[in-house]
Amino acid sequence: MAALPHLAFVAIFAVAGNREGSRFLVWLFNIVGTADLLLAITLATIYGAPAFMGAAYWIPAFWVPALLVSHYVVFVVMLAGRRAQIHEAITRQIDTSE
């Protein structure tokens, strides 16, 4: 996907600038990036791409697993942050109802 690097940079600068909507951009980039990697793995398997890769075999052997792990880590961090927000909101709601 040609727009994926642009989306990554927009998300990085939004987070760095503490902009509104930065969390959405990170979620969007992470979901689209993960889907793109899974699609690439699927298509490479279907069409037998490893036979034609030659010296570029290190891309699927190293970078694809590394990128999948990094996307997983971002999902874990984002979900942990979301859980903390939910817990804080519930605690605040309980405190105000007493």
C-alpha atoms as a PDB file:
ATOM      1  CA  MET A   1       0.000   0.000   0.000  1.00  0.00           C
ATOM      2  CA  ALA A   2       1.525   3.247  -1.126  1.00  0.00           C
ATOM      3  CA  ALA A   3      -0.229   5.433   1.451  1.00  0.00           C
ATOM      4  CA  LEU A   4       0.920   3.417   4.455  1.00  0.00           C
ATOM      5  CA  PRO A   5       4.256   5.225   5.017  1.00  0.00           C
ATOM      6  CA  HIS A   6       2.451   8.566   4.776  1.00  0.00           C
ATOM      7  CA  LEU A   7      -0.095   7.423   7.333  1.00  0.00           C
ATOM      8  CA  ALA A   8       2.734   6.309   9.618  1.00  0.00           C
ATOM      9  CA  PHE A   9       4.415   9.710   9.477  1.00  0.00           C
ATOM     10  CA  VAL A  10       1.141  11.538  10.061  1.00  0.00           C
ATOM     11  CA  ALA A  11       0.479   9.334  13.109  1.00  0.00           C
ATOM     12  CA  ILE A  12       4.020   9.838  14.455  1.00  0.00           C
ATOM     13  CA  PHE A  13       3.856  13.623  14.145  1.00  0.00           C
ATOM     14  CA  ALA A  14       0.351  13.706  15.622  1.00  0.00           C
ATOM     15  CA  VAL A  15       1.506  11.720  18.653  1.00  0.00           C
ATOM     16  CA  ALA A  16       4.700  13.776  19.000  1.00  0.00           C
ATOM     17  CA  GLY A  17       2.689  16.997  18.876  1.00  0.00           C
ATOM     18  CA  ASN A  18       0.077  15.612  21.292  1.00  0.00           C
ATOM     19  CA  ARG A  19      -2.610  16.441  18.721  1.00  0.00           C
ATOM     20  CA  GLU A  20      -6.259  15.582  19.039  1.00  0.00           C
ATOM     21  CA  GLY A  21      -7.050  12.457  17.064  1.00  0.00           C
ATOM     22  CA  SER A  22      -3.559  11.013  17.357  1.00  0.00           C
ATOM     23  CA  ARG A  23      -4.865   7.887  19.083  1.00  0.00           C
ATOM     24  CA  PHE A  24      -7.259   7.301  16.165  1.00  0.00           C
ATOM     25  CA  LEU A  25      -4.408   7.717  13.666  1.00  0.00           C
ATOM     26  CA  VAL A  26      -2.262   5.173  15.512  1.00  0.00           C
ATOM     27  CA  TRP A  27      -5.157   2.701  15.580  1.00  0.00           C
ATOM     28  CA  LEU A  28      -5.818   3.303  11.885  1.00  0.00           C
ATOM     29  CA  PHE A  29      -2.170   2.860  10.922  1.00  0.00           C
ATOM     30  CA  ASN A  30      -1.834  -0.269  13.036  1.00  0.00           C
ATOM     31  CA  ILE A  31      -4.952  -1.936  11.640  1.00  0.00           C
ATOM     32  CA  VAL A  32      -4.155  -1.031   8.026  1.00  0.00           C
ATOM     33  CA  GLY A  33      -0.486  -2.019   8.451  1.00  0.00           C
ATOM     34  CA  THR A  34      -1.349  -5.385   9.964  1.00  0.00           C
ATOM     35  CA  ALA A  35      -3.900  -6.082   7.221  1.00  0.00           C
ATOM     36  CA  ASP A  36      -1.324  -5.092   4.583  1.00  0.00           C
ATOM     37  CA  LEU A  37       1.277  -7.483   6.021  1.00  0.00           C
ATOM     38  CA  LEU A  38      -1.213 -10.342   6.247  1.00  0.00           C
ATOM     39  CA  LEU A  39      -2.331  -9.700   2.664  1.00  0.00           C
ATOM     40  CA  ALA A  40       1.292  -9.669   1.485  1.00  0.00           C
ATOM     41  CA  ILE A  41       1.991 -12.971   3.264  1.00  0.00           C
ATOM     42  CA  THR A  42      -1.144 -14.520   1.772  1.00  0.00           C
ATOM     43  CA  LEU A  43      -0.429 -13.357  -1.776  1.00  0.00           C
ATOM     44  CA  ALA A  44       3.232 -14.388  -1.581  1.00  0.00           C
ATOM     45  CA  THR A  45       2.158 -17.852  -0.470  1.00  0.00           C
ATOM     46  CA  ILE A  46      -0.530 -18.188  -3.132  1.00  0.00           C
ATOM     47  CA  TYR A  47       1.704 -17.072  -5.993  1.00  0.00           C
ATOM     48  CA  GLY A  48       4.926 -18.747  -4.828  1.00  0.00           C
ATOM     49  CA  ALA A  49       6.905 -15.533  -4.480  1.00  0.00           C
ATOM     50  CA  PRO A  50       9.863 -17.053  -2.552  1.00  0.00           C
ATOM     51  CA  ALA A  51      11.043 -18.808  -5.711  1.00  0.00           C
ATOM     52  CA  PHE A  52      11.491 -15.439  -7.435  1.00  0.00           C
ATOM     53  CA  MET A  53      12.947 -13.392  -4.569  1.00  0.00           C
ATOM     54  CA  GLY A  54      16.588 -14.323  -4.919  1.00  0.00           C
ATOM     55  CA  ALA A  55      18.783 -12.380  -2.509  1.00  0.00           C
ATOM     56  CA  ALA A  56      15.781 -10.429  -1.227  1.00  0.00           C
ATOM     57  CA  TYR A  57      14.687 -13.464   0.816  1.00  0.00           C
ATOM     58  CA  TRP A  58      15.701 -11.546   3.954  1.00  0.00           C
ATOM     59  CA  ILE A  59      12.634  -9.289   3.586  1.00  0.00           C
ATOM     60  CA  PRO A  60      10.055 -11.994   4.420  1.00  0.00           C
ATOM     61  CA  ALA A  61      12.512 -13.834   6.660  1.00  0.00           C
ATOM     62  CA  PHE A  62      13.343 -10.873   8.905  1.00  0.00           C
ATOM     63  CA  TRP A  63      11.322  -7.712   8.268  1.00  0.00           C
ATOM     64  CA  VAL A  64       7.833  -9.192   7.988  1.00  0.00           C
ATOM     65  CA  PRO A  65       8.010 -11.043  11.341  1.00  0.00           C
ATOM     66  CA  ALA A  66       9.608  -7.979  12.973  1.00  0.00           C
ATOM     67  CA  LEU A  67       6.840  -5.734  11.659  1.00  0.00           C
ATOM     68  CA  LEU A  68       4.127  -8.159  12.781  1.00  0.00           C
ATOM     69  CA  VAL A  69       5.630  -8.227  16.278  1.00  0.00           C
ATOM     70  CA  SER A  70       5.835  -4.423  16.370  1.00  0.00           C
ATOM     71  CA  HIS A  71       2.181  -4.138  15.310  1.00  0.00           C
ATOM     72  CA  TYR A  72       1.240  -6.635  18.033  1.00  0.00           C
ATOM     73  CA  VAL A  73       3.135  -4.605  20.648  1.00  0.00           C
ATOM     74  CA  VAL A  74       1.331  -1.428  19.571  1.00  0.00           C
ATOM     75  CA  PHE A  75      -2.027  -3.230  19.870  1.00  0.00           C
ATOM     76  CA  VAL A  76      -1.118  -4.387  23.389  1.00  0.00           C
ATOM     77  CA  VAL A  77      -0.023  -0.893  24.454  1.00  0.00           C
ATOM     78  CA  MET A  78      -3.084   0.761  22.948  1.00  0.00           C
ATOM     79  CA  LEU A  79      -5.448  -1.751  24.565  1.00  0.00           C
ATOM     80  CA  ALA A  80      -3.703  -1.354  27.934  1.00  0.00           C
ATOM     81  CA  GLY A  81      -4.191   2.406  27.681  1.00  0.00           C
ATOM     82  CA  ARG A  82      -7.834   1.908  26.799  1.00  0.00           C
ATOM     83  CA  ARG A  83      -8.337  -0.435  29.767  1.00  0.00           C
ATOM     84  CA  ALA A  84      -6.809   2.187  32.064  1.00  0.00           C
ATOM     85  CA  GLN A  85      -9.189   4.843  30.675  1.00  0.00           C
ATOM     86  CA  ILE A  86     -12.202   2.582  31.202  1.00  0.00           C
ATOM     87  CA  HIS A  87     -11.109   1.739  34.748  1.00  0.00           C
ATOM     88  CA  GLU A  88     -10.620   5.429  35.539  1.00  0.00           C
ATOM     89  CA  ALA A  89     -14.054   6.320  34.120  1.00  0.00           C
ATOM     90  CA  ILE A  90     -15.755   3.570  36.115  1.00  0.00           C
ATOM     91  CA  THR A  91     -13.954   4.629  39.295  1.00  0.00           C
ATOM     92  CA  ARG A  92     -14.952   8.267  38.699  1.00  0.00           C
ATOM     93  CA  GLN A  93     -18.570   7.231  38.083  1.00  0.00           C
ATOM     94  CA  ILE A  94     -18.656   5.191  41.296  1.00  0.00           C
ATOM     95  CA  ASP A  95     -17.128   8.080  43.276  1.00  0.00           C
ATOM     96  CA  THR A  96     -19.721  10.561  42.003  1.00  0.00           C
ATOM     97  CA  SER A  97     -22.641   8.228  42.723  1.00  0.00           C
ATOM     98  CA  GLU A  98     -21.735   7.870  46.400  1.00  0.00           C
END
